Amino acid sequence: MSDRATPETPTVACPTCKKPTEWSTKNPYRPFCSERCKLIDLGEWASEGHKIPGQPVFDDVMSEDLDPSKTRH
């Protein structure tokens, strides 16, 4: 992969290692430079090393409306 960006193949920094990598269909791991960096990032999300800031949002399964102790009879 080239370190220089061109109009046809722009270069971005790999989110994991910051190495310049081409953003093209030739790179199946984009935006990552390699499978290794992609898996490292996946592991960070899985272990909650990466988090999206804000209040937790609960889905319907966690809703009080579905709490068995509060069910209307």
PDB file of N, CA and C in Angstrom:
ATOM      1  N   MET A   1       0.830  -1.183   0.000  1.00  0.00           N
ATOM      2  CA  MET A   1       0.000   0.000   0.000  1.00  0.00           C
ATOM      3  C   MET A   1       0.876   1.248   0.000  1.00  0.00           C
ATOM      4  N   SER A   2       0.392   2.242  -0.657  1.00  0.00           N
ATOM      5  CA  SER A   2       1.144   3.480  -0.789  1.00  0.00           C
ATOM      6  C   SER A   2       0.931   4.369   0.432  1.00  0.00           C
ATOM      7  N   ASP A   3       1.960   5.180   0.762  1.00  0.00           N
ATOM      8  CA  ASP A   3       1.830   6.130   1.860  1.00  0.00           C
ATOM      9  C   ASP A   3       1.288   7.468   1.382  1.00  0.00           C
ATOM     10  N   ARG A   4       1.129   7.636   0.054  1.00  0.00           N
ATOM     11  CA  ARG A   4       0.653   8.908  -0.473  1.00  0.00           C
ATOM     12  C   ARG A   4      -0.802   8.828  -0.903  1.00  0.00           C
ATOM     13  N   ALA A   5      -1.566   9.866  -0.573  1.00  0.00           N
ATOM     14  CA  ALA A   5      -2.961   9.926  -0.990  1.00  0.00           C
ATOM     15  C   ALA A   5      -3.037  10.453  -2.415  1.00  0.00           C
ATOM     16  N   THR A   6      -3.910   9.888  -3.191  1.00  0.00           N
ATOM     17  CA  THR A   6      -4.201  10.379  -4.527  1.00  0.00           C
ATOM     18  C   THR A   6      -5.706  10.509  -4.629  1.00  0.00           C
ATOM     19  N   PRO A   7      -6.199  11.229  -5.632  1.00  0.00           N
ATOM     20  CA  PRO A   7      -7.655  11.336  -5.768  1.00  0.00           C
ATOM     21  C   PRO A   7      -8.323   9.966  -5.920  1.00  0.00           C
ATOM     22  N   GLU A   8      -7.629   9.017  -6.527  1.00  0.00           N
ATOM     23  CA  GLU A   8      -8.204   7.687  -6.733  1.00  0.00           C
ATOM     24  C   GLU A   8      -8.143   6.836  -5.467  1.00  0.00           C
ATOM     25  N   THR A   9      -7.081   6.977  -4.691  1.00  0.00           N
ATOM     26  CA  THR A   9      -6.900   6.163  -3.495  1.00  0.00           C
ATOM     27  C   THR A   9      -6.463   7.041  -2.320  1.00  0.00           C
ATOM     28  N   PRO A  10      -7.418   7.616  -1.608  1.00  0.00           N
ATOM     29  CA  PRO A  10      -7.048   8.440  -0.451  1.00  0.00           C
ATOM     30  C   PRO A  10      -6.406   7.586   0.642  1.00  0.00           C
ATOM     31  N   THR A  11      -5.598   8.227   1.446  1.00  0.00           N
ATOM     32  CA  THR A  11      -4.927   7.559   2.555  1.00  0.00           C
ATOM     33  C   THR A  11      -5.531   8.044   3.863  1.00  0.00           C
ATOM     34  N   VAL A  12      -5.765   7.104   4.773  1.00  0.00           N
ATOM     35  CA  VAL A  12      -6.277   7.421   6.107  1.00  0.00           C
ATOM     36  C   VAL A  12      -5.349   6.784   7.137  1.00  0.00           C
ATOM     37  N   ALA A  13      -5.397   7.283   8.347  1.00  0.00           N
ATOM     38  CA  ALA A  13      -4.608   6.692   9.430  1.00  0.00           C
ATOM     39  C   ALA A  13      -5.378   5.509  10.005  1.00  0.00           C
ATOM     40  N   CYS A  14      -4.700   4.395  10.179  1.00  0.00           N
ATOM     41  CA  CYS A  14      -5.310   3.217  10.802  1.00  0.00           C
ATOM     42  C   CYS A  14      -5.754   3.617  12.215  1.00  0.00           C
ATOM     43  N   PRO A  15      -7.014   3.344  12.587  1.00  0.00           N
ATOM     44  CA  PRO A  15      -7.488   3.734  13.923  1.00  0.00           C
ATOM     45  C   PRO A  15      -6.703   3.089  15.071  1.00  0.00           C
ATOM     46  N   THR A  16      -6.074   1.951  14.818  1.00  0.00           N
ATOM     47  CA  THR A  16      -5.362   1.252  15.879  1.00  0.00           C
ATOM     48  C   THR A  16      -3.907   1.684  15.985  1.00  0.00           C
ATOM     49  N   CYS A  17      -3.163   1.591  14.878  1.00  0.00           N
ATOM     50  CA  CYS A  17      -1.718   1.857  14.944  1.00  0.00           C
ATOM     51  C   CYS A  17      -1.309   3.190  14.329  1.00  0.00           C
ATOM     52  N   LYS A  18      -2.249   3.869  13.706  1.00  0.00           N
ATOM     53  CA  LYS A  18      -2.040   5.189  13.085  1.00  0.00           C
ATOM     54  C   LYS A  18      -1.188   5.136  11.813  1.00  0.00           C
ATOM     55  N   LYS A  19      -0.849   3.948  11.320  1.00  0.00           N
ATOM     56  CA  LYS A  19      -0.083   3.808  10.082  1.00  0.00           C
ATOM     57  C   LYS A  19      -0.946   4.268   8.904  1.00  0.00           C
ATOM     58  N   PRO A  20      -0.387   5.038   7.958  1.00  0.00           N
ATOM     59  CA  PRO A  20      -1.161   5.435   6.781  1.00  0.00           C
ATOM     60  C   PRO A  20      -1.551   4.204   5.965  1.00  0.00           C
ATOM     61  N   THR A  21      -2.807   4.152   5.557  1.00  0.00           N
ATOM     62  CA  THR A  21      -3.298   3.016   4.784  1.00  0.00           C
ATOM     63  C   THR A  21      -4.270   3.499   3.723  1.00  0.00           C
ATOM     64  N   GLU A  22      -4.266   2.847   2.572  1.00  0.00           N
ATOM     65  CA  GLU A  22      -5.147   3.247   1.480  1.00  0.00           C
ATOM     66  C   GLU A  22      -6.589   2.897   1.789  1.00  0.00           C
ATOM     67  N   TRP A  23      -7.479   3.828   1.452  1.00  0.00           N
ATOM     68  CA  TRP A  23      -8.916   3.572   1.569  1.00  0.00           C
ATOM     69  C   TRP A  23      -9.370   3.161   0.171  1.00  0.00           C
ATOM     70  N   SER A  24      -9.279   1.865  -0.089  1.00  0.00           N
ATOM     71  CA  SER A  24      -9.688   1.362  -1.397  1.00  0.00           C
ATOM     72  C   SER A  24     -10.216  -0.054  -1.255  1.00  0.00           C
ATOM     73  N   THR A  25     -10.847  -0.543  -2.304  1.00  0.00           N
ATOM     74  CA  THR A  25     -11.386  -1.901  -2.289  1.00  0.00           C
ATOM     75  C   THR A  25     -10.272  -2.937  -2.261  1.00  0.00           C
ATOM     76  N   LYS A  26      -9.038  -2.535  -2.535  1.00  0.00           N
ATOM     77  CA  LYS A  26      -7.892  -3.447  -2.450  1.00  0.00           C
ATOM     78  C   LYS A  26      -7.569  -3.805  -0.994  1.00  0.00           C
ATOM     79  N   ASN A  27      -8.036  -2.988  -0.064  1.00  0.00           N
ATOM     80  CA  ASN A  27      -7.773  -3.214   1.369  1.00  0.00           C
ATOM     81  C   ASN A  27      -9.044  -3.739   2.031  1.00  0.00           C
ATOM     82  N   PRO A  28      -9.159  -5.056   2.217  1.00  0.00           N
ATOM     83  CA  PRO A  28     -10.378  -5.611   2.811  1.00  0.00           C
ATOM     84  C   PRO A  28     -10.558  -5.258   4.284  1.00  0.00           C
ATOM     85  N   TYR A  29      -9.531  -4.697   4.919  1.00  0.00           N
ATOM     86  CA  TYR A  29      -9.599  -4.371   6.347  1.00  0.00           C
ATOM     87  C   TYR A  29      -9.870  -2.896   6.606  1.00  0.00           C
ATOM     88  N   ARG A  30     -10.071  -2.097   5.555  1.00  0.00           N
ATOM     89  CA  ARG A  30     -10.237  -0.655   5.738  1.00  0.00           C
ATOM     90  C   ARG A  30     -11.306  -0.352   6.763  1.00  0.00           C
ATOM     91  N   PRO A  31     -11.150   0.583   7.622  1.00  0.00           N
ATOM     92  CA  PRO A  31     -10.115   1.603   7.685  1.00  0.00           C
ATOM     93  C   PRO A  31      -8.834   1.141   8.362  1.00  0.00           C
ATOM     94  N   PHE A  32      -8.756  -0.129   8.724  1.00  0.00           N
ATOM     95  CA  PHE A  32      -7.566  -0.655   9.394  1.00  0.00           C
ATOM     96  C   PHE A  32      -6.516  -1.046   8.358  1.00  0.00           C
ATOM     97  N   CYS A  33      -5.263  -1.119   8.771  1.00  0.00           N
ATOM     98  CA  CYS A  33      -4.185  -1.480   7.853  1.00  0.00           C
ATOM     99  C   CYS A  33      -4.049  -2.989   7.704  1.00  0.00           C
ATOM    100  N   SER A  34      -4.565  -3.747   8.682  1.00  0.00           N
ATOM    101  CA  SER A  34      -4.386  -5.202   8.651  1.00  0.00           C
ATOM    102  C   SER A  34      -5.473  -5.884   9.480  1.00  0.00           C
ATOM    103  N   GLU A  35      -5.556  -7.197   9.315  1.00  0.00           N
ATOM    104  CA  GLU A  35      -6.499  -7.973  10.116  1.00  0.00           C
ATOM    105  C   GLU A  35      -6.147  -7.861  11.601  1.00  0.00           C
ATOM    106  N   ARG A  36      -4.858  -7.826  11.907  1.00  0.00           N
ATOM    107  CA  ARG A  36      -4.411  -7.720  13.301  1.00  0.00           C
ATOM    108  C   ARG A  36      -4.980  -6.466  13.968  1.00  0.00           C
ATOM    109  N   CYS A  37      -4.852  -5.314  13.289  1.00  0.00           N
ATOM    110  CA  CYS A  37      -5.363  -4.067  13.861  1.00  0.00           C
ATOM    111  C   CYS A  37      -6.882  -4.103  13.984  1.00  0.00           C
ATOM    112  N   LYS A  38      -7.558  -4.724  13.028  1.00  0.00           N
ATOM    113  CA  LYS A  38      -9.013  -4.851  13.084  1.00  0.00           C
ATOM    114  C   LYS A  38      -9.432  -5.683  14.298  1.00  0.00           C
ATOM    115  N   LEU A  39      -8.727  -6.776  14.558  1.00  0.00           N
ATOM    116  CA  LEU A  39      -9.057  -7.638  15.694  1.00  0.00           C
ATOM    117  C   LEU A  39      -8.723  -6.981  17.030  1.00  0.00           C
ATOM    118  N   ILE A  40      -7.650  -6.205  17.070  1.00  0.00           N
ATOM    119  CA  ILE A  40      -7.315  -5.462  18.292  1.00  0.00           C
ATOM    120  C   ILE A  40      -8.450  -4.505  18.627  1.00  0.00           C
ATOM    121  N   ASP A  41      -8.962  -3.792  17.613  1.00  0.00           N
ATOM    122  CA  ASP A  41     -10.061  -2.849  17.834  1.00  0.00           C
ATOM    123  C   ASP A  41     -11.321  -3.576  18.285  1.00  0.00           C
ATOM    124  N   LEU A  42     -11.633  -4.701  17.658  1.00  0.00           N
ATOM    125  CA  LEU A  42     -12.800  -5.492  18.060  1.00  0.00           C
ATOM    126  C   LEU A  42     -12.679  -5.930  19.521  1.00  0.00           C
ATOM    127  N   GLY A  43     -11.485  -6.349  19.928  1.00  0.00           N
ATOM    128  CA  GLY A  43     -11.249  -6.748  21.312  1.00  0.00           C
ATOM    129  C   GLY A  43     -11.454  -5.606  22.289  1.00  0.00           C
ATOM    130  N   GLU A  44     -11.063  -4.403  21.893  1.00  0.00           N
ATOM    131  CA  GLU A  44     -11.262  -3.232  22.755  1.00  0.00           C
ATOM    132  C   GLU A  44     -12.749  -2.966  22.972  1.00  0.00           C
ATOM    133  N   TRP A  45     -13.553  -3.077  21.909  1.00  0.00           N
ATOM    134  CA  TRP A  45     -15.002  -2.883  22.054  1.00  0.00           C
ATOM    135  C   TRP A  45     -15.590  -3.983  22.925  1.00  0.00           C
ATOM    136  N   ALA A  46     -15.173  -5.232  22.697  1.00  0.00           N
ATOM    137  CA  ALA A  46     -15.719  -6.371  23.441  1.00  0.00           C
ATOM    138  C   ALA A  46     -15.405  -6.284  24.934  1.00  0.00           C
ATOM    139  N   SER A  47     -14.234  -5.761  25.274  1.00  0.00           N
ATOM    140  CA  SER A  47     -13.851  -5.650  26.684  1.00  0.00           C
ATOM    141  C   SER A  47     -14.262  -4.311  27.287  1.00  0.00           C
ATOM    142  N   GLU A  48     -15.037  -3.537  26.539  1.00  0.00           N
ATOM    143  CA  GLU A  48     -15.513  -2.220  26.934  1.00  0.00           C
ATOM    144  C   GLU A  48     -14.380  -1.220  27.138  1.00  0.00           C
ATOM    145  N   GLY A  49     -13.258  -1.449  26.441  1.00  0.00           N
ATOM    146  CA  GLY A  49     -12.174  -0.473  26.440  1.00  0.00           C
ATOM    147  C   GLY A  49     -12.561   0.769  25.653  1.00  0.00           C
ATOM    148  N   HIS A  50     -13.396   0.578  24.640  1.00  0.00           N
ATOM    149  CA  HIS A  50     -13.980   1.682  23.873  1.00  0.00           C
ATOM    150  C   HIS A  50     -15.427   1.806  24.316  1.00  0.00           C
ATOM    151  N   LYS A  51     -15.853   3.020  24.579  1.00  0.00           N
ATOM    152  CA  LYS A  51     -17.245   3.256  24.970  1.00  0.00           C
ATOM    153  C   LYS A  51     -17.736   4.508  24.286  1.00  0.00           C
ATOM    154  N   ILE A  52     -19.018   4.558  24.000  1.00  0.00           N
ATOM    155  CA  ILE A  52     -19.633   5.758  23.457  1.00  0.00           C
ATOM    156  C   ILE A  52     -20.161   6.549  24.642  1.00  0.00           C
ATOM    157  N   PRO A  53     -19.740   7.829  24.792  1.00  0.00           N
ATOM    158  CA  PRO A  53     -20.159   8.614  25.952  1.00  0.00           C
ATOM    159  C   PRO A  53     -21.660   8.867  25.955  1.00  0.00           C
ATOM    160  N   GLY A  54     -22.206   8.990  27.139  1.00  0.00           N
ATOM    161  CA  GLY A  54     -23.621   9.292  27.298  1.00  0.00           C
ATOM    162  C   GLY A  54     -24.273   8.346  28.280  1.00  0.00           C
ATOM    163  N   GLN A  55     -25.532   8.589  28.517  1.00  0.00           N
ATOM    164  CA  GLN A  55     -26.307   7.759  29.428  1.00  0.00           C
ATOM    165  C   GLN A  55     -26.675   6.442  28.735  1.00  0.00           C
ATOM    166  N   PRO A  56     -26.692   5.335  29.470  1.00  0.00           N
ATOM    167  CA  PRO A  56     -27.109   4.072  28.872  1.00  0.00           C
ATOM    168  C   PRO A  56     -28.561   4.142  28.414  1.00  0.00           C
ATOM    169  N   VAL A  57     -28.831   3.503  27.312  1.00  0.00           N
ATOM    170  CA  VAL A  57     -30.190   3.430  26.789  1.00  0.00           C
ATOM    171  C   VAL A  57     -30.630   1.979  26.904  1.00  0.00           C
ATOM    172  N   PHE A  58     -31.739   1.754  27.571  1.00  0.00           N
ATOM    173  CA  PHE A  58     -32.238   0.405  27.760  1.00  0.00           C
ATOM    174  C   PHE A  58     -33.272   0.102  26.695  1.00  0.00           C
ATOM    175  N   ASP A  59     -33.230  -1.101  26.185  1.00  0.00           N
ATOM    176  CA  ASP A  59     -34.228  -1.498  25.198  1.00  0.00           C
ATOM    177  C   ASP A  59     -35.485  -2.006  25.904  1.00  0.00           C
ATOM    178  N   ASP A  60     -36.459  -2.468  25.132  1.00  0.00           N
ATOM    179  CA  ASP A  60     -37.744  -2.904  25.691  1.00  0.00           C
ATOM    180  C   ASP A  60     -37.602  -4.045  26.689  1.00  0.00           C
ATOM    181  N   VAL A  61     -36.604  -4.881  26.533  1.00  0.00           N
ATOM    182  CA  VAL A  61     -36.415  -6.008  27.443  1.00  0.00           C
ATOM    183  C   VAL A  61     -36.108  -5.510  28.851  1.00  0.00           C
ATOM    184  N   MET A  62     -35.464  -4.365  28.963  1.00  0.00           N
ATOM    185  CA  MET A  62     -35.097  -3.817  30.261  1.00  0.00           C
ATOM    186  C   MET A  62     -36.164  -2.852  30.794  1.00  0.00           C
ATOM    187  N   SER A  63     -37.213  -2.652  30.049  1.00  0.00           N
ATOM    188  CA  SER A  63     -38.232  -1.675  30.407  1.00  0.00           C
ATOM    189  C   SER A  63     -38.996  -2.096  31.669  1.00  0.00           C
ATOM    190  N   GLU A  64     -39.389  -1.113  32.475  1.00  0.00           N
ATOM    191  CA  GLU A  64     -40.208  -1.385  33.666  1.00  0.00           C
ATOM    192  C   GLU A  64     -41.558  -1.970  33.270  1.00  0.00           C
ATOM    193  N   ASP A  65     -42.026  -1.634  32.062  1.00  0.00           N
ATOM    194  CA  ASP A  65     -43.312  -2.165  31.603  1.00  0.00           C
ATOM    195  C   ASP A  65     -43.294  -3.688  31.525  1.00  0.00           C
ATOM    196  N   LEU A  66     -42.137  -4.277  31.363  1.00  0.00           N
ATOM    197  CA  LEU A  66     -42.029  -5.721  31.239  1.00  0.00           C
ATOM    198  C   LEU A  66     -41.536  -6.378  32.516  1.00  0.00           C
ATOM    199  N   ASP A  67     -41.397  -5.604  33.579  1.00  0.00           N
ATOM    200  CA  ASP A  67     -40.949  -6.145  34.857  1.00  0.00           C
ATOM    201  C   ASP A  67     -42.070  -7.012  35.430  1.00  0.00           C
ATOM    202  N   PRO A  68     -41.855  -8.343  35.624  1.00  0.00           N
ATOM    203  CA  PRO A  68     -42.908  -9.241  36.116  1.00  0.00           C
ATOM    204  C   PRO A  68     -43.489  -8.808  37.458  1.00  0.00           C
ATOM    205  N   SER A  69     -42.698  -8.155  38.297  1.00  0.00           N
ATOM    206  CA  SER A  69     -43.210  -7.750  39.608  1.00  0.00           C
ATOM    207  C   SER A  69     -44.175  -6.571  39.497  1.00  0.00           C
ATOM    208  N   LYS A  70     -44.216  -5.910  38.350  1.00  0.00           N
ATOM    209  CA  LYS A  70     -45.089  -4.746  38.165  1.00  0.00           C
ATOM    210  C   LYS A  70     -46.173  -5.018  37.133  1.00  0.00           C
ATOM    211  N   THR A  71     -46.394  -6.274  36.823  1.00  0.00           N
ATOM    212  CA  THR A  71     -47.403  -6.632  35.832  1.00  0.00           C
ATOM    213  C   THR A  71     -48.795  -6.440  36.401  1.00  0.00           C
ATOM    214  N   ARG A  72     -49.675  -5.858  35.607  1.00  0.00           N
ATOM    215  CA  ARG A  72     -51.074  -5.663  36.027  1.00  0.00           C
ATOM    216  C   ARG A  72     -51.830  -6.967  35.818  1.00  0.00           C
ATOM    217  N   HIS A  73     -52.721  -7.273  36.733  1.00  0.00           N
ATOM    218  CA  HIS A  73     -53.539  -8.488  36.600  1.00  0.00           C
ATOM    219  C   HIS A  73     -54.944  -8.135  36.270  1.00  0.00           C
TER     220      HIS A  73
END
